[in-house]
Amino acid sequence: MVLRVENTKKLAELFATHARLRIKSHRDSEKSLQYLKELAETLAIEPLEPKAGKTVSGCLQRYSLANWWRRRLESLSSQGLEQYLRSKGQVSAQTGKHVSNSTFERFLWAQSESQKYLQRTKLESQDGEELFLSEVFEHSVANPAVRRSEMMARIRGMEEYANVHDYESVFLTLTLPSRFHASLKAGYRNSKYDGSTPKDGNNHLQKLWSLIRSKYGRDGMRPFGIRVVEPHHDGTPHWHLLLFVKPAHKEQIVNVFKGYVRNDSASQGELKRRLDVTYIDSSKGSAAGYVAKYVAKNIDGAHLETDKEGAPCSNASARIRAWASTWKVRQFQFLGSPPVSVWRELRRLTNGSGLIEEARQAADSGNWSAFMEAMAKPQLVGTGVGVELMFAHAETVNKITGEVVSTETNSFGEPGQPKVIGVMSGILRNRTRIKHWLGKHYEPLTLLGLVRGAHIANCGNGSIAAEGSALGLV
């Protein structure tokens, strides 16, 4: 599906109007919802379901909104155009690496518009303090430099923890069968290509990984590490996995990978191309150093000059981000380690007590290894009470009175999703988000999906972070 922006808006209005008329003319809400779900599915749009806090009424209200349809149609249109260009050979090492040039140009334009938005938007707290949203961005993980630094701290910490606890490291690369690859490296069309999109390919790898992970979990093996997803020159995804494993499990885990990849391959020769295994010798180099180039390449290209083809890494990184944005691919995932959300929340605190203070000191000093030790302690002593996030219903500020009001329902009348307000461990509680911020003087950017009324929370010691995913900062 490829649509012009103005046509997308018109079509979205048409579907929303159709939904409203259907709901109004049929009293059976369940049947109306089923009808609209089927309509969405015919357009390859993921349908709404009355689950995870959503009600039938809330789903119907969303189907009645043009913006709900527009955002999804825009995404489908972008993917449809990119897949068309990919099928015509416009995504390759010879034409447009990772993504087509037109998609890359739209991505750069959207990034530029986003920066303008951040620079002209102010946030005001209930006590009158003001900040530009661009200041929030600079200190958040939305900033590529901050995100890269945090990720490398976590990877180094995992390696330090692994060394202390006698783990060894294995680096694996998983690629897809040839039928997923649109173009050969020379730029020619792959005769075996079956029309699959990069999203199809990533879903295939996710299913394969799910089988592998379930198998070694059943066998009592608990590796930890990181997964990095990046595109080949033609946009076909492949995975890199750095796993820290017990020496007794190393060959066993590798054999699990080989077994499932073999079952997913057409021949023994294809198996060799689809799975590459490197056993990292810590006496010759660090695991963190081994994976650092993949992390940097997929974020901002920092400290890297050129890629394998000699292209500047900063340009390659931008094209990779455009690829991930277009196909909605999660580039990084940490495996088997404590949640980074707790780490980030602890870094807002100035002090704590008990296990909270131990974990806070580790987080504040950027020591992920010590943080892992603190988070593992409850399991070791048998209490099972670790450091967790503390939640409460969202709060908003009355613009007239300045009063902070709890909002237990959302705009669709559904139970509101609790928001993070701090950390807790057993009976210990520490609130990290005290101030309430409201966006001022900004205009919605429809192409970026930004909406009015997003709230920002700030901890008591001055560090700032965006709570609203609508602001694109978390």
Protein backbone atom coordinates (compact mmCIF):
# COMPACT_ATOMS: atom_id res chain seq x y z
CA MET A 1 0.00 0.00 0.00
CA VAL A 2 1.52 3.33 -1.13
CA LEU A 3 -0.43 6.54 -0.51
CA ARG A 4 0.25 10.26 -0.73
CA VAL A 5 0.01 12.16 2.56
CA GLU A 6 -3.19 13.95 1.54
CA ASN A 7 -4.76 10.67 0.40
CA THR A 8 -3.80 9.02 3.68
CA LYS A 9 -5.63 11.73 5.60
CA LYS A 10 -8.72 11.42 3.41
CA LEU A 11 -8.76 7.65 3.68
CA ALA A 12 -8.34 7.85 7.46
CA GLU A 13 -11.32 10.20 7.70
CA LEU A 14 -13.32 7.83 5.51
CA PHE A 15 -12.59 4.80 7.71
CA ALA A 16 -13.29 6.76 10.90
CA THR A 17 -16.62 8.02 9.54
CA HIS A 18 -17.51 4.51 8.41
CA ALA A 19 -16.70 3.20 11.89
CA ARG A 20 -18.89 5.84 13.58
CA LEU A 21 -21.80 5.08 11.28
CA ARG A 22 -21.43 1.35 11.86
CA ILE A 23 -21.37 1.79 15.64
CA LYS A 24 -24.33 4.17 15.59
CA SER A 25 -26.50 1.94 13.40
CA HIS A 26 -25.77 -1.33 15.24
CA ARG A 27 -26.58 -1.66 18.92
CA ASP A 28 -24.53 -4.81 19.41
CA SER A 29 -21.10 -3.47 20.40
CA GLU A 30 -19.45 -6.89 20.18
CA LYS A 31 -20.56 -7.38 16.57
CA SER A 32 -19.48 -3.85 15.64
CA LEU A 33 -16.06 -4.49 17.15
CA GLN A 34 -15.72 -7.78 15.27
CA TYR A 35 -16.66 -6.05 12.00
CA LEU A 36 -14.08 -3.29 12.53
CA LYS A 37 -11.40 -5.80 13.55
CA GLU A 38 -11.96 -7.64 10.26
CA LEU A 39 -11.82 -4.33 8.36
CA ALA A 40 -8.46 -3.51 9.97
CA GLU A 41 -7.11 -6.98 9.19
CA THR A 42 -8.01 -6.64 5.50
CA LEU A 43 -5.75 -3.57 5.45
CA ALA A 44 -2.93 -5.46 7.25
CA ILE A 45 -3.49 -3.28 10.33
CA GLU A 46 -3.17 -4.97 13.71
CA PRO A 47 -6.73 -4.97 15.11
CA LEU A 48 -7.70 -3.67 18.52
CA GLU A 49 -8.64 -6.23 21.15
CA PRO A 50 -10.46 -5.65 24.47
CA LYS A 51 -7.53 -6.78 26.59
CA ALA A 52 -4.56 -5.36 28.51
CA GLY A 53 -6.73 -2.63 30.00
CA LYS A 54 -8.70 -1.87 26.83
CA THR A 55 -12.49 -2.16 26.90
CA VAL A 56 -14.92 -2.85 24.04
CA SER A 57 -16.13 0.75 24.31
CA GLY A 58 -12.56 2.06 24.28
CA CYS A 59 -11.71 0.02 21.19
CA LEU A 60 -14.77 1.33 19.35
CA GLN A 61 -13.89 4.90 20.29
CA ARG A 62 -10.38 4.44 18.87
CA TYR A 63 -11.74 3.01 15.63
CA SER A 64 -13.85 6.18 15.38
CA LEU A 65 -10.79 8.45 15.37
CA ALA A 66 -9.23 9.52 12.07
CA ASN A 67 -5.85 9.90 13.78
CA TRP A 68 -5.89 6.24 14.82
CA TRP A 69 -6.33 5.17 11.21
CA ARG A 70 -3.97 7.81 9.82
CA ARG A 71 -0.96 6.77 11.91
CA ARG A 72 -1.33 3.15 10.85
CA LEU A 73 -1.99 3.95 7.20
CA GLU A 74 1.09 6.19 7.11
CA SER A 75 3.25 3.40 8.49
CA LEU A 76 1.85 0.89 6.00
CA SER A 77 2.32 3.35 3.15
CA SER A 78 5.96 3.99 4.10
CA GLN A 79 6.65 0.27 4.29
CA GLY A 80 4.79 -0.37 1.04
CA LEU A 81 6.83 2.23 -0.82
CA GLU A 82 10.10 0.95 0.63
CA GLN A 83 9.26 -2.65 -0.25
CA TYR A 84 8.35 -1.62 -3.80
CA LEU A 85 11.70 0.18 -4.21
CA ARG A 86 13.49 -2.76 -2.61
CA SER A 87 11.90 -5.15 -5.11
CA LYS A 88 13.10 -2.86 -7.93
CA GLY A 89 16.71 -3.00 -6.77
CA GLN A 90 16.79 0.44 -5.15
CA VAL A 91 18.06 -0.99 -1.84
CA SER A 92 21.54 -2.47 -2.23
CA ALA A 93 25.22 -1.69 -1.81
CA GLN A 94 25.16 -0.24 -5.33
CA THR A 95 22.08 1.98 -5.01
CA GLY A 96 20.79 2.80 -1.52
CA LYS A 97 22.43 0.84 1.27
CA HIS A 98 20.04 -0.58 3.91
CA VAL A 99 17.17 1.69 2.77
CA SER A 100 16.24 3.47 -0.43
CA ASN A 101 17.48 7.02 -0.88
CA SER A 102 13.94 8.42 -0.86
CA THR A 103 13.11 6.72 2.45
CA PHE A 104 16.39 7.95 3.91
CA GLU A 105 15.63 11.53 2.83
CA ARG A 106 12.19 11.37 4.48
CA PHE A 107 13.80 10.03 7.65
CA LEU A 108 16.31 12.90 7.75
CA TRP A 109 13.50 15.40 7.19
CA ALA A 110 11.47 13.88 10.04
CA GLN A 111 14.53 14.01 12.31
CA SER A 112 15.04 17.66 11.45
CA GLU A 113 11.40 18.48 12.15
CA SER A 114 11.62 16.62 15.44
CA GLN A 115 14.62 18.71 16.51
CA LYS A 116 12.77 21.92 15.62
CA TYR A 117 9.83 20.73 17.69
CA LEU A 118 12.08 20.04 20.70
CA GLN A 119 13.68 23.47 20.42
CA ARG A 120 10.41 25.41 20.33
CA THR A 121 8.58 23.46 23.04
CA LYS A 122 8.75 24.48 26.69
CA LEU A 123 7.78 22.51 29.76
CA GLU A 124 6.38 24.22 32.84
CA SER A 125 6.11 22.68 36.31
CA GLN A 126 3.36 23.41 38.82
CA ASP A 127 5.70 25.86 40.60
CA GLY A 128 6.47 27.83 37.42
CA GLU A 129 9.86 26.35 36.53
CA GLU A 130 10.44 26.17 32.76
CA LEU A 131 12.62 24.00 30.56
CA PHE A 132 12.97 23.54 26.83
CA LEU A 133 12.16 20.02 25.68
CA SER A 134 15.50 19.99 23.86
CA GLU A 135 17.22 20.09 27.28
CA VAL A 136 15.26 17.00 28.33
CA PHE A 137 16.26 15.26 25.12
CA GLU A 138 19.97 15.96 25.63
CA HIS A 139 19.95 14.16 28.99
CA SER A 140 17.70 11.25 28.03
CA VAL A 141 18.39 7.92 26.31
CA ALA A 142 16.65 9.35 23.23
CA ASN A 143 19.98 11.11 22.66
CA PRO A 144 22.12 8.58 20.69
CA ALA A 145 25.29 9.49 22.60
CA VAL A 146 23.60 8.90 25.96
CA ARG A 147 22.03 5.67 24.74
CA ARG A 148 25.36 4.37 23.43
CA SER A 149 27.18 5.23 26.67
CA GLU A 150 24.53 3.49 28.77
CA MET A 151 24.58 0.39 26.60
CA MET A 152 28.36 0.10 26.71
CA ALA A 153 28.31 0.50 30.51
CA ARG A 154 25.84 -2.38 30.69
CA ILE A 155 27.87 -4.60 28.35
CA ARG A 156 31.12 -3.93 30.24
CA GLY A 157 29.31 -4.62 33.50
CA MET A 158 27.96 -7.93 32.21
CA GLU A 159 31.46 -8.96 31.18
CA GLU A 160 32.88 -8.03 34.61
CA TYR A 161 30.10 -10.00 36.30
CA ALA A 162 30.78 -12.94 33.97
CA ASN A 163 34.50 -12.91 34.80
CA VAL A 164 33.83 -12.92 38.55
CA HIS A 165 31.34 -15.80 38.26
CA ASP A 166 33.36 -17.89 35.78
CA TYR A 167 31.24 -17.46 32.66
CA GLU A 168 32.69 -17.64 29.16
CA SER A 169 31.53 -15.67 26.12
CA VAL A 170 30.29 -16.78 22.72
CA PHE A 171 29.47 -14.50 19.78
CA LEU A 172 26.90 -15.84 17.28
CA THR A 173 25.56 -14.39 14.04
CA LEU A 174 22.20 -15.61 12.68
CA THR A 175 21.24 -14.89 9.08
CA LEU A 176 18.16 -15.73 7.02
CA PRO A 177 17.69 -18.24 4.17
CA SER A 178 18.47 -16.88 0.71
CA ARG A 179 14.77 -16.52 -0.15
CA PHE A 180 14.58 -13.46 2.17
CA HIS A 181 17.37 -11.56 0.36
CA ALA A 182 16.15 -9.21 -2.37
CA SER A 183 19.50 -8.37 -3.97
CA LEU A 184 22.98 -9.78 -4.32
CA LYS A 185 25.93 -7.73 -3.16
CA ALA A 186 26.77 -6.82 -6.75
CA GLY A 187 23.34 -5.21 -7.01
CA TYR A 188 21.64 -7.89 -9.12
CA ARG A 189 18.26 -9.28 -8.13
CA ASN A 190 18.41 -12.56 -6.21
CA SER A 191 16.60 -15.20 -8.28
CA LYS A 192 15.59 -17.07 -5.09
CA TYR A 193 13.93 -14.02 -3.51
CA ASP A 194 10.29 -14.70 -2.58
CA GLY A 195 9.11 -11.12 -1.91
CA SER A 196 9.48 -11.20 1.89
CA THR A 197 9.86 -7.85 3.65
CA PRO A 198 12.53 -7.08 6.27
CA LYS A 199 9.73 -7.25 8.83
CA ASP A 200 8.87 -10.76 7.63
CA GLY A 201 12.52 -11.71 7.95
CA ASN A 202 12.86 -10.34 11.47
CA ASN A 203 9.68 -12.15 12.52
CA HIS A 204 11.19 -15.37 11.15
CA LEU A 205 14.34 -14.89 13.23
CA GLN A 206 12.24 -14.09 16.30
CA LYS A 207 10.34 -17.38 15.95
CA LEU A 208 13.60 -19.28 15.52
CA TRP A 209 15.05 -17.54 18.58
CA SER A 210 11.94 -18.36 20.60
CA LEU A 211 12.46 -22.08 19.87
CA ILE A 212 16.16 -21.90 20.74
CA ARG A 213 15.58 -19.98 23.98
CA SER A 214 12.80 -22.32 25.08
CA LYS A 215 15.00 -25.36 24.46
CA TYR A 216 18.01 -24.22 26.45
CA GLY A 217 15.67 -22.94 29.17
CA ARG A 218 14.09 -26.40 29.46
CA ASP A 219 17.59 -27.84 29.73
CA GLY A 220 18.34 -25.59 32.71
CA MET A 221 20.79 -23.25 30.98
CA ARG A 222 20.61 -19.52 31.83
CA PRO A 223 22.95 -17.48 29.63
CA PHE A 224 22.81 -13.69 29.59
CA GLY A 225 23.99 -11.12 27.07
CA ILE A 226 22.78 -8.85 24.28
CA ARG A 227 21.14 -9.20 20.88
CA VAL A 228 21.83 -6.69 18.08
CA VAL A 229 19.71 -6.60 14.92
CA GLU A 230 21.14 -4.92 11.84
CA PRO A 231 20.41 -4.97 8.09
CA HIS A 232 22.43 -6.40 5.24
CA HIS A 233 23.04 -4.03 2.33
CA ASP A 234 19.62 -4.92 0.83
CA GLY A 235 17.69 -4.39 4.08
CA THR A 236 17.47 -8.07 5.04
CA PRO A 237 17.98 -8.35 8.82
CA HIS A 238 20.49 -10.52 10.61
CA TRP A 239 21.18 -10.95 14.32
CA HIS A 240 24.33 -10.79 16.42
CA LEU A 241 24.20 -12.35 19.88
CA LEU A 242 26.84 -12.01 22.59
CA LEU A 243 26.10 -14.66 25.22
CA PHE A 244 27.85 -15.26 28.53
CA VAL A 245 27.53 -18.95 29.42
CA LYS A 246 28.80 -21.41 31.99
CA PRO A 247 31.76 -23.43 30.55
CA ALA A 248 29.83 -26.69 30.97
CA HIS A 249 26.97 -25.27 28.87
CA LYS A 250 28.96 -23.61 26.09
CA GLU A 251 28.99 -26.43 23.53
CA GLN A 252 25.49 -27.48 24.54
CA ILE A 253 24.04 -24.03 23.79
CA VAL A 254 25.90 -23.79 20.48
CA ASN A 255 24.53 -27.22 19.51
CA VAL A 256 21.00 -26.02 20.29
CA PHE A 257 21.53 -23.13 17.85
CA LYS A 258 22.96 -25.48 15.22
CA GLY A 259 20.09 -27.93 15.59
CA TYR A 260 17.33 -25.39 15.08
CA VAL A 261 19.12 -23.51 12.29
CA ARG A 262 19.77 -26.86 10.54
CA ASN A 263 16.05 -27.67 10.69
CA ASP A 264 15.34 -24.23 9.20
CA SER A 265 17.88 -24.59 6.36
CA ALA A 266 17.57 -26.24 2.97
CA SER A 267 21.07 -27.76 2.99
CA GLN A 268 24.23 -28.25 5.02
CA GLY A 269 25.90 -25.59 2.91
CA GLU A 270 23.19 -23.09 3.79
CA LEU A 271 23.63 -23.93 7.48
CA LYS A 272 27.28 -22.83 7.31
CA ARG A 273 26.24 -19.51 5.78
CA ARG A 274 23.42 -18.93 8.25
CA LEU A 275 25.20 -19.49 11.57
CA ASP A 276 28.61 -18.17 12.50
CA VAL A 277 30.06 -18.97 15.94
CA THR A 278 33.07 -17.29 17.57
CA TYR A 279 34.40 -18.36 20.96
CA ILE A 280 35.90 -15.25 22.54
CA ASP A 281 39.27 -15.77 24.23
CA SER A 282 39.41 -13.28 27.12
CA SER A 283 43.23 -13.44 27.09
CA LYS A 284 43.24 -11.96 23.58
CA GLY A 285 40.47 -9.39 23.88
CA SER A 286 37.31 -8.42 25.71
CA ALA A 287 33.78 -9.44 24.81
CA ALA A 288 32.66 -5.84 25.33
CA GLY A 289 35.25 -4.65 22.84
CA TYR A 290 34.11 -7.30 20.36
CA VAL A 291 30.50 -6.13 20.37
CA ALA A 292 31.22 -2.39 20.80
CA LYS A 293 31.56 -1.78 17.05
CA TYR A 294 28.14 -3.31 16.39
CA VAL A 295 26.52 -1.14 19.06
CA ALA A 296 28.18 2.04 17.81
CA LYS A 297 27.46 1.25 14.16
CA ASN A 298 23.76 0.81 14.88
CA ILE A 299 23.39 3.98 16.98
CA ASP A 300 25.59 6.86 15.79
CA GLY A 301 28.83 5.47 14.34
CA ALA A 302 30.89 7.13 17.09
CA HIS A 303 34.59 6.16 17.20
CA LEU A 304 34.24 4.28 13.90
CA GLU A 305 35.56 5.67 10.63
CA THR A 306 34.29 3.42 7.83
CA ASP A 307 32.23 0.27 7.40
CA LYS A 308 33.23 -2.87 5.46
CA GLU A 309 32.55 -1.15 2.13
CA GLY A 310 34.54 1.95 3.09
CA ALA A 311 31.51 4.21 3.61
CA PRO A 312 31.57 6.69 6.54
CA CYS A 313 30.05 4.98 9.58
CA SER A 314 28.08 8.08 10.59
CA ASN A 315 26.17 7.88 7.30
CA ALA A 316 25.74 4.11 7.57
CA SER A 317 24.41 4.50 11.13
CA ALA A 318 21.84 7.06 10.03
CA ARG A 319 20.67 4.75 7.24
CA ILE A 320 20.43 1.84 9.70
CA ARG A 321 18.29 3.96 12.04
CA ALA A 322 16.08 4.88 9.08
CA TRP A 323 15.73 1.18 8.27
CA ALA A 324 14.80 0.28 11.86
CA SER A 325 12.30 3.16 12.04
CA THR A 326 10.61 2.20 8.77
CA TRP A 327 10.27 -1.50 9.57
CA LYS A 328 9.63 -1.07 13.34
CA VAL A 329 12.59 -3.28 14.25
CA ARG A 330 13.89 -3.37 17.82
CA GLN A 331 17.63 -3.02 17.31
CA PHE A 332 18.88 -4.02 20.76
CA GLN A 333 17.71 -6.38 23.46
CA PHE A 334 19.53 -7.34 26.65
CA LEU A 335 18.98 -10.93 27.73
CA GLY A 336 18.88 -12.39 31.23
CA SER A 337 20.03 -9.28 33.10
CA PRO A 338 18.18 -6.94 35.52
CA PRO A 339 15.74 -4.37 34.08
CA VAL A 340 17.39 -1.12 33.04
CA SER A 341 14.23 0.76 34.08
CA VAL A 342 15.14 0.14 37.75
CA TRP A 343 18.73 1.27 37.08
CA ARG A 344 17.54 4.53 35.50
CA GLU A 345 15.11 5.21 38.32
CA LEU A 346 17.78 4.62 40.96
CA ARG A 347 20.02 7.19 39.26
CA ARG A 348 17.39 9.81 40.12
CA LEU A 349 17.83 9.24 43.84
CA THR A 350 20.33 11.04 46.07
CA ASN A 351 20.13 8.45 48.86
CA GLY A 352 18.24 5.38 50.00
CA SER A 353 18.53 2.60 52.54
CA GLY A 354 19.10 -1.15 52.61
CA LEU A 355 19.21 -2.91 49.27
CA ILE A 356 17.88 0.21 47.53
CA GLU A 357 20.96 2.15 48.64
CA GLU A 358 23.32 -0.63 47.57
CA ALA A 359 21.74 -0.78 44.12
CA ARG A 360 21.56 3.03 43.94
CA GLN A 361 25.29 3.42 44.59
CA ALA A 362 26.04 0.92 41.83
CA ALA A 363 23.74 2.71 39.39
CA ASP A 364 24.98 6.17 40.35
CA SER A 365 28.60 5.14 39.70
CA GLY A 366 27.69 3.48 36.39
CA ASN A 367 28.75 0.06 37.69
CA TRP A 368 26.41 -2.44 36.04
CA SER A 369 28.32 -5.40 37.46
CA ALA A 370 27.73 -4.19 41.05
CA PHE A 371 24.10 -3.50 40.11
CA MET A 372 23.72 -7.11 38.92
CA GLU A 373 25.23 -8.32 42.21
CA ALA A 374 22.78 -6.21 44.22
CA MET A 375 19.79 -7.31 42.17
CA ALA A 376 20.81 -10.99 42.47
CA LYS A 377 21.26 -10.84 46.25
CA PRO A 378 17.59 -11.55 47.19
CA GLN A 379 17.67 -14.81 45.21
CA LEU A 380 20.96 -15.81 46.83
CA VAL A 381 19.72 -15.26 50.40
CA GLY A 382 16.29 -16.69 49.63
CA THR A 383 14.18 -13.62 50.43
CA GLY A 384 13.05 -12.98 46.87
CA VAL A 385 12.52 -9.27 47.70
CA GLY A 386 14.60 -7.18 45.30
CA VAL A 387 14.43 -3.60 44.08
CA GLU A 388 11.38 -2.93 41.93
CA LEU A 389 9.64 0.00 40.32
CA MET A 390 6.88 1.69 42.32
CA PHE A 391 3.72 2.68 40.44
CA ALA A 392 0.73 4.96 40.99
CA HIS A 393 -2.05 6.32 38.83
CA ALA A 394 -1.06 9.19 36.59
CA GLU A 395 -1.42 12.70 37.95
CA THR A 396 -2.06 15.93 36.13
CA VAL A 397 -1.93 19.59 37.08
CA ASN A 398 -5.08 21.74 37.09
CA LYS A 399 -4.10 24.72 34.92
CA ILE A 400 -6.27 27.11 36.92
CA THR A 401 -5.64 26.08 40.52
CA GLY A 402 -2.23 24.40 40.16
CA GLU A 403 -3.62 21.42 42.08
CA VAL A 404 -2.20 17.96 41.33
CA VAL A 405 -5.10 15.65 40.47
CA SER A 406 -5.00 11.85 40.14
CA THR A 407 -6.37 10.51 36.83
CA GLU A 408 -7.59 6.96 37.28
CA THR A 409 -9.22 6.71 33.85
CA ASN A 410 -7.99 7.64 30.39
CA SER A 411 -9.81 9.64 27.73
CA PHE A 412 -11.67 6.49 26.63
CA GLY A 413 -13.07 5.85 30.11
CA GLU A 414 -10.77 2.87 30.67
CA PRO A 415 -8.74 2.25 33.82
CA GLY A 416 -5.65 4.44 33.59
CA GLN A 417 -2.27 2.77 33.34
CA PRO A 418 -0.22 3.29 36.52
CA LYS A 419 2.91 5.42 36.06
CA VAL A 420 6.34 4.96 37.58
CA ILE A 421 6.81 7.19 40.63
CA GLY A 422 9.82 5.60 42.35
CA VAL A 423 11.44 2.39 43.58
CA MET A 424 10.69 -0.04 46.39
CA SER A 425 12.18 -3.05 48.13
CA GLY A 426 9.93 -4.83 50.61
CA ILE A 427 8.61 -2.15 52.97
CA LEU A 428 11.17 0.42 51.79
CA ARG A 429 9.83 3.13 49.48
CA ASN A 430 11.64 5.95 47.66
CA ARG A 431 9.75 8.35 45.42
CA THR A 432 11.80 9.65 42.50
CA ARG A 433 9.22 11.65 40.54
CA ILE A 434 7.84 14.65 42.40
CA LYS A 435 7.46 17.57 40.02
CA HIS A 436 4.80 17.56 37.31
CA TRP A 437 5.47 19.16 33.96
CA LEU A 438 3.11 20.25 31.18
CA GLY A 439 4.08 21.05 27.60
CA LYS A 440 3.48 24.64 26.44
CA HIS A 441 3.42 26.51 23.14
CA TYR A 442 3.80 23.67 20.72
CA GLU A 443 2.01 22.50 17.60
CA PRO A 444 1.31 18.81 16.95
CA LEU A 445 3.47 17.36 14.18
CA THR A 446 1.12 14.90 12.55
CA LEU A 447 3.82 12.99 10.70
CA LEU A 448 5.67 12.34 13.95
CA GLY A 449 2.58 11.27 15.87
CA LEU A 450 3.11 13.85 18.62
CA VAL A 451 0.06 14.75 20.70
CA ARG A 452 -0.99 17.47 23.10
CA GLY A 453 -1.17 17.13 26.84
CA ALA A 454 1.80 14.84 27.43
CA HIS A 455 3.18 15.12 30.95
CA ILE A 456 6.77 15.10 32.11
CA ALA A 457 7.89 14.04 35.56
CA ASN A 458 11.06 15.15 37.32
CA CYS A 459 12.75 13.71 40.36
CA GLY A 460 13.53 15.76 43.40
CA ASN A 461 17.28 16.07 42.77
CA GLY A 462 17.01 17.74 39.39
CA SER A 463 17.51 14.98 36.82
CA ILE A 464 14.90 15.07 34.10
CA ALA A 465 13.18 12.42 32.03
CA ALA A 466 10.14 12.27 29.81
CA GLU A 467 7.28 10.08 30.97
CA GLY A 468 5.12 10.48 27.89
CA SER A 469 5.87 8.14 25.04
CA ALA A 470 3.83 10.64 22.99
CA LEU A 471 6.79 13.00 23.30
CA GLY A 472 9.08 10.41 21.78
CA LEU A 473 11.58 10.55 24.61
CA VAL A 474 11.18 7.12 26.18
